[in-house]
Protein backbone atom coordinates (compact mmCIF):
# COMPACT_ATOMS: atom_id res chain seq x y z
CA MET A 1 -17.06 13.63 -4.65
CA PRO A 2 -13.60 14.55 -3.94
CA CYS A 3 -13.24 17.97 -2.71
CA ILE A 4 -10.18 20.60 -2.92
CA HIS A 5 -9.77 22.26 0.29
CA LEU A 6 -7.81 25.52 0.51
CA VAL A 7 -6.62 26.93 3.91
CA THR A 8 -5.42 30.52 3.70
CA ARG A 9 -5.74 33.62 6.09
CA ASP A 10 -6.21 35.83 3.09
CA ALA A 11 -8.72 34.46 0.63
CA ALA A 12 -8.27 37.91 -1.58
CA ALA A 13 -4.64 37.23 -1.87
CA CYS A 14 -5.41 33.87 -3.52
CA GLY A 15 -8.26 35.12 -5.74
CA ASN A 16 -6.85 33.40 -8.89
CA VAL A 17 -6.41 29.91 -6.80
CA VAL A 18 -9.81 30.11 -5.86
CA LEU A 19 -11.27 30.54 -9.47
CA LEU A 20 -9.01 27.65 -10.56
CA ALA A 21 -9.52 25.26 -7.90
CA SER A 22 -13.29 25.88 -7.85
CA GLY A 23 -13.38 25.57 -11.84
CA LEU A 24 -12.31 21.72 -11.63
CA SER A 25 -14.88 18.97 -11.49
CA PHE A 26 -14.42 18.53 -7.96
CA GLY A 27 -15.94 20.09 -4.82
CA PHE A 28 -14.13 22.99 -3.40
CA GLN A 29 -14.15 24.73 0.06
CA ALA A 30 -11.93 27.37 1.26
CA TRP A 31 -10.90 27.41 5.31
CA ARG A 32 -9.43 30.46 7.23
CA ASP A 33 -7.63 28.50 9.69
CA ALA A 34 -6.15 25.08 9.96
CA ASP A 35 -8.52 24.37 13.01
CA GLY A 36 -11.78 24.85 11.08
CA PHE A 37 -10.53 22.78 8.59
CA LEU A 38 -9.51 19.95 10.63
CA SER A 39 -12.56 20.01 13.05
CA ALA A 40 -14.80 19.63 10.05
CA LEU A 41 -12.90 17.27 7.91
CA ASP A 42 -13.74 13.64 7.35
CA PRO A 43 -10.40 11.62 7.12
CA ASP A 44 -12.08 9.17 4.82
CA ALA A 45 -12.60 12.02 2.43
CA THR A 46 -10.93 12.13 -0.98
CA GLY A 47 -9.40 15.04 -2.57
CA ALA A 48 -6.34 17.37 -2.28
CA LEU A 49 -5.22 20.12 0.36
CA LEU A 50 -3.99 23.48 -0.72
CA VAL A 51 -2.02 25.26 2.16
CA GLU A 52 -1.12 29.11 1.38
CA VAL A 53 2.11 29.72 3.43
CA ALA A 54 3.25 33.45 4.03
CA GLY A 55 6.77 34.62 5.39
CA SER A 56 8.78 31.85 7.26
CA GLY A 57 5.91 29.66 6.63
CA PRO A 58 4.40 29.23 10.26
CA GLU A 59 1.27 27.45 8.26
CA LEU A 60 3.35 24.16 7.74
CA ALA A 61 2.51 23.37 11.18
CA LEU A 62 -0.74 22.10 9.80
CA LEU A 63 1.03 19.47 7.84
CA ASP A 64 2.48 17.70 11.04
CA ARG A 65 -1.20 17.57 12.47
CA LEU A 66 -2.46 15.56 9.67
CA GLY A 67 -0.78 12.18 10.10
CA PRO A 68 -2.01 11.80 13.63
CA LEU A 69 -5.32 12.27 12.64
CA GLY A 70 -5.44 9.88 9.84
CA VAL A 71 -5.67 12.38 6.98
CA ASP A 72 -3.81 11.25 4.13
CA MET A 73 -4.81 13.67 1.58
CA PRO A 74 -2.11 14.92 -0.70
CA VAL A 75 -0.88 18.57 -0.14
CA ILE A 76 0.10 21.20 -2.07
CA VAL A 77 2.11 24.20 -0.46
CA LEU A 78 1.33 27.70 -2.19
CA ALA A 79 4.23 30.07 -1.01
CA ARG A 80 3.69 33.83 -1.30
CA ASP A 81 7.50 34.42 -1.06
CA ALA A 82 9.16 30.89 -2.12
CA THR A 83 12.77 30.17 -1.01
CA VAL A 84 14.78 27.22 -1.02
CA ASP A 85 14.51 26.89 2.66
CA LEU A 86 10.69 27.11 2.57
CA CYS A 87 10.55 24.52 -0.13
CA ARG A 88 12.68 22.09 1.74
CA ARG A 89 10.84 22.40 5.03
CA ALA A 90 7.44 21.84 3.10
CA PHE A 91 8.57 18.76 1.48
CA LYS A 92 10.09 17.52 4.86
CA ALA A 93 6.56 18.15 6.44
CA GLY A 94 5.17 15.89 3.86
CA ALA A 95 3.99 18.09 0.93
CA ARG A 96 3.49 16.62 -2.37
CA GLU A 97 4.17 19.69 -4.24
CA PHE A 98 5.51 23.41 -3.62
CA LEU A 99 4.61 26.36 -5.94
CA PRO A 100 5.19 29.83 -5.72
CA LEU A 101 1.73 31.57 -5.64
CA SER A 102 2.33 33.64 -8.42
CA ALA A 103 3.12 30.71 -10.57
CA ALA A 104 0.15 28.73 -9.64
CA GLU A 105 -2.20 29.76 -12.61
CA ASP A 106 -0.17 27.75 -14.95
CA SER A 107 0.42 24.41 -13.37
CA LEU A 108 -1.87 23.91 -10.48
CA PRO A 109 -5.02 22.89 -12.53
CA ASP A 110 -2.93 19.90 -13.96
CA ILE A 111 -1.32 19.32 -10.41
CA LEU A 112 -4.54 19.06 -8.54
CA ARG A 113 -6.01 16.73 -11.10
CA LYS A 114 -3.32 14.30 -10.67
CA ALA A 115 -3.15 14.51 -7.03
CA VAL A 116 -6.89 14.00 -6.52
CA GLY A 117 -6.93 11.40 -9.16
CA GLN A 118 -4.09 9.28 -7.35
CA HIS A 119 -5.68 9.93 -3.92
CA VAL A 120 -8.98 8.27 -5.02
CA LEU A 121 -7.31 5.42 -6.90
CA GLU A 122 -5.21 4.87 -3.58
CA ARG A 123 -8.45 4.71 -1.45
CA GLN A 124 -9.96 2.29 -3.80
CA ARG A 125 -6.81 0.15 -3.48
CA GLN A 126 -6.87 0.34 0.32
CA GLN A 127 -10.86 -0.32 0.22
CA ARG A 128 -10.15 -3.41 -1.91
CA SER A 129 -7.15 -4.60 0.37
CA ARG A 130 -9.59 -4.14 3.58
CA HIS A 131 -12.40 -6.24 1.74
CA ALA A 132 -10.08 -9.07 0.85
CA ARG A 133 -8.66 -9.33 4.48
CA SER A 134 -12.13 -9.60 5.51
CA LEU A 135 -13.00 -12.43 3.18
CA TYR A 136 -9.80 -14.22 4.04
CA THR A 137 -10.55 -14.16 7.60
CA ARG A 138 -13.58 -16.22 6.97
CA LEU A 139 -11.83 -19.34 5.48
CA SER A 140 -11.37 -22.61 7.50
CA GLU A 141 -7.98 -23.74 8.49
CA ARG A 142 -8.06 -26.29 5.83
CA GLU A 143 -9.36 -23.72 3.37
CA ARG A 144 -6.24 -21.33 3.98
CA GLU A 145 -3.89 -24.59 3.66
CA VAL A 146 -5.34 -25.25 0.25
CA LEU A 147 -4.99 -21.46 -0.83
CA GLY A 148 -1.39 -21.46 0.56
CA LEU A 149 -0.83 -24.36 -1.78
CA VAL A 150 -2.51 -22.79 -5.00
CA VAL A 151 -0.80 -19.54 -4.42
CA ALA A 152 2.47 -21.44 -4.39
CA GLY A 153 1.73 -22.85 -7.54
CA LEU A 154 1.02 -26.53 -6.90
CA THR A 155 -1.29 -28.49 -9.17
CA ASN A 156 -4.58 -30.40 -7.94
CA LYS A 157 -2.58 -33.43 -7.72
CA GLU A 158 0.32 -32.01 -5.92
CA ILE A 159 -1.83 -30.34 -3.28
CA ALA A 160 -3.90 -33.43 -3.01
CA ARG A 161 -0.78 -35.69 -2.27
CA ALA A 162 0.45 -33.04 0.06
CA LEU A 163 -2.60 -32.70 2.17
CA ALA A 164 -3.46 -36.51 1.88
CA VAL A 165 -6.69 -36.15 0.18
CA SER A 166 -7.87 -37.13 -3.39
CA PRO A 167 -7.69 -34.63 -6.22
CA ARG A 168 -11.47 -34.23 -6.14
CA THR A 169 -11.62 -32.96 -2.67
CA VAL A 170 -9.01 -30.45 -3.90
CA GLU A 171 -11.30 -29.18 -6.52
CA VAL A 172 -14.04 -28.83 -3.91
CA HIS A 173 -11.95 -26.93 -1.85
CA ARG A 174 -10.94 -24.53 -4.72
CA ALA A 175 -14.44 -24.07 -5.84
CA ARG A 176 -15.29 -22.85 -2.28
CA LEU A 177 -12.36 -20.57 -2.05
CA ALA A 178 -13.57 -18.98 -5.49
CA CYS A 179 -16.80 -18.29 -4.06
CA LYS A 180 -15.66 -17.45 -0.58
CA LEU A 181 -12.69 -14.86 -1.80
CA GLU A 182 -15.05 -13.64 -4.87
CA THR A 183 -12.30 -14.24 -7.57
CA ASP A 184 -12.98 -15.45 -11.07
CA SER A 185 -9.60 -16.39 -12.06
CA LEU A 186 -6.26 -18.15 -10.70
CA ALA A 187 -4.73 -14.76 -11.47
CA GLN A 188 -6.92 -12.78 -9.46
CA LEU A 189 -6.53 -15.36 -6.61
CA VAL A 190 -2.74 -14.85 -6.34
CA ARG A 191 -2.93 -11.17 -7.01
CA GLN A 192 -5.21 -10.37 -4.25
CA TYR A 193 -4.43 -12.85 -1.46
CA ALA A 194 -0.78 -13.99 -1.77
CA ASP A 195 0.29 -11.42 0.53
CA LEU A 196 -2.01 -12.18 3.31
CA VAL A 197 -1.00 -15.80 2.73
CA ASP A 198 2.38 -15.03 3.54
CA GLU A 199 1.57 -12.48 6.25
CA ASP A 200 -0.56 -15.41 7.76
CA SER A 201 2.10 -18.35 8.01
CA GLY A 202 4.89 -17.15 5.86
CA PRO A 203 5.74 -18.68 2.68
CA LEU A 204 5.39 -22.63 2.86
CA ASP A 205 8.72 -24.50 2.48
CA LEU A 206 7.83 -26.78 -0.58
CA VAL A 207 9.38 -29.31 -2.70
CA CYS A 208 7.26 -29.53 -5.86
CA GLY A 209 7.46 -30.10 -9.44
CA GLN A 210 8.76 -33.46 -9.07
CA ALA A 211 7.75 -36.54 -10.89
CA TRP A 212 4.17 -37.78 -9.88
CA GLY A 213 5.88 -40.82 -8.38
CA ALA A 214 8.18 -38.80 -6.07
CA PRO A 215 7.16 -37.74 -2.71
CA LEU A 216 6.07 -34.02 -1.90
CA ALA A 217 7.82 -32.83 1.38
CA VAL A 218 5.65 -29.73 3.10
CA ALA A 219 7.47 -28.33 6.08
CA ALA A 220 5.67 -27.90 9.24
CA ARG A 221 4.19 -24.61 9.86
CA ARG A 222 5.52 -22.14 12.11
CA PRO A 223 3.79 -21.88 15.05
CA VAL A 224 1.53 -18.90 15.44
C-alpha cells in the first residue's frame, strides 16, 4: 500500500496535518528526523513525503539526499513561515508542492491524493518498461530484424522481400514475436517496443510503400 511519510521535528505543531494525512486511504508514518526516515525507507515504496520546515528551512537538505538514494517519492514542503525565498529554494531542491502550514487543511488532502496517484502510475509504467526490456533481450537477431521492420510499418510481403524470405516465414516470425513479447495487437507491439528498437539499432533506413515489383532497399545496420 502507498504510504504518506511526514518528517517533522515537532509533531504537535503538525497536528492537523497528521489528522488529514492519516485519514486518507493510504498508510501513514511520522518521523522526527531525516536520518530515521531514510534508514527505514524502501526506495521501491510508493507514496508521498511531507517535509515540515521552520525558519530558514534547514530541513530542505533532506531533498538533496533523496536522488542519490534512488528515492523518487513526490515531496510536499510545509512551511511554518512561508516566504518567497523559501518557496524558491524548495522548488529548486525538487519539491512537488509548497504550502504554508496554516493553509494545509484546505488543499493538502487533494494534493496528497494526486501526488500518490501519479507516483503509483509512474511506478507501474516503469515496471512495464523493465518487463518489456527483459522480454526484448530474449529475441534472436532475426526476430529483432523482423520486429524493426514491423515497427517501421512494412507489410509481410515487404518484410519478406527485404529479408529474402517467404511471406509465410514472416508470418511465423510475427507469431513468435507476439508470443515472446506478450502482445495481442500490432498497436500494442509498436507502443511497447518501438523505442527499444530505435535504441537497439537506430531507425532502419527503408524505402517502402513502393509497387510490389520495385526493389525494396534496406540500409546496412550501423555497427554496435
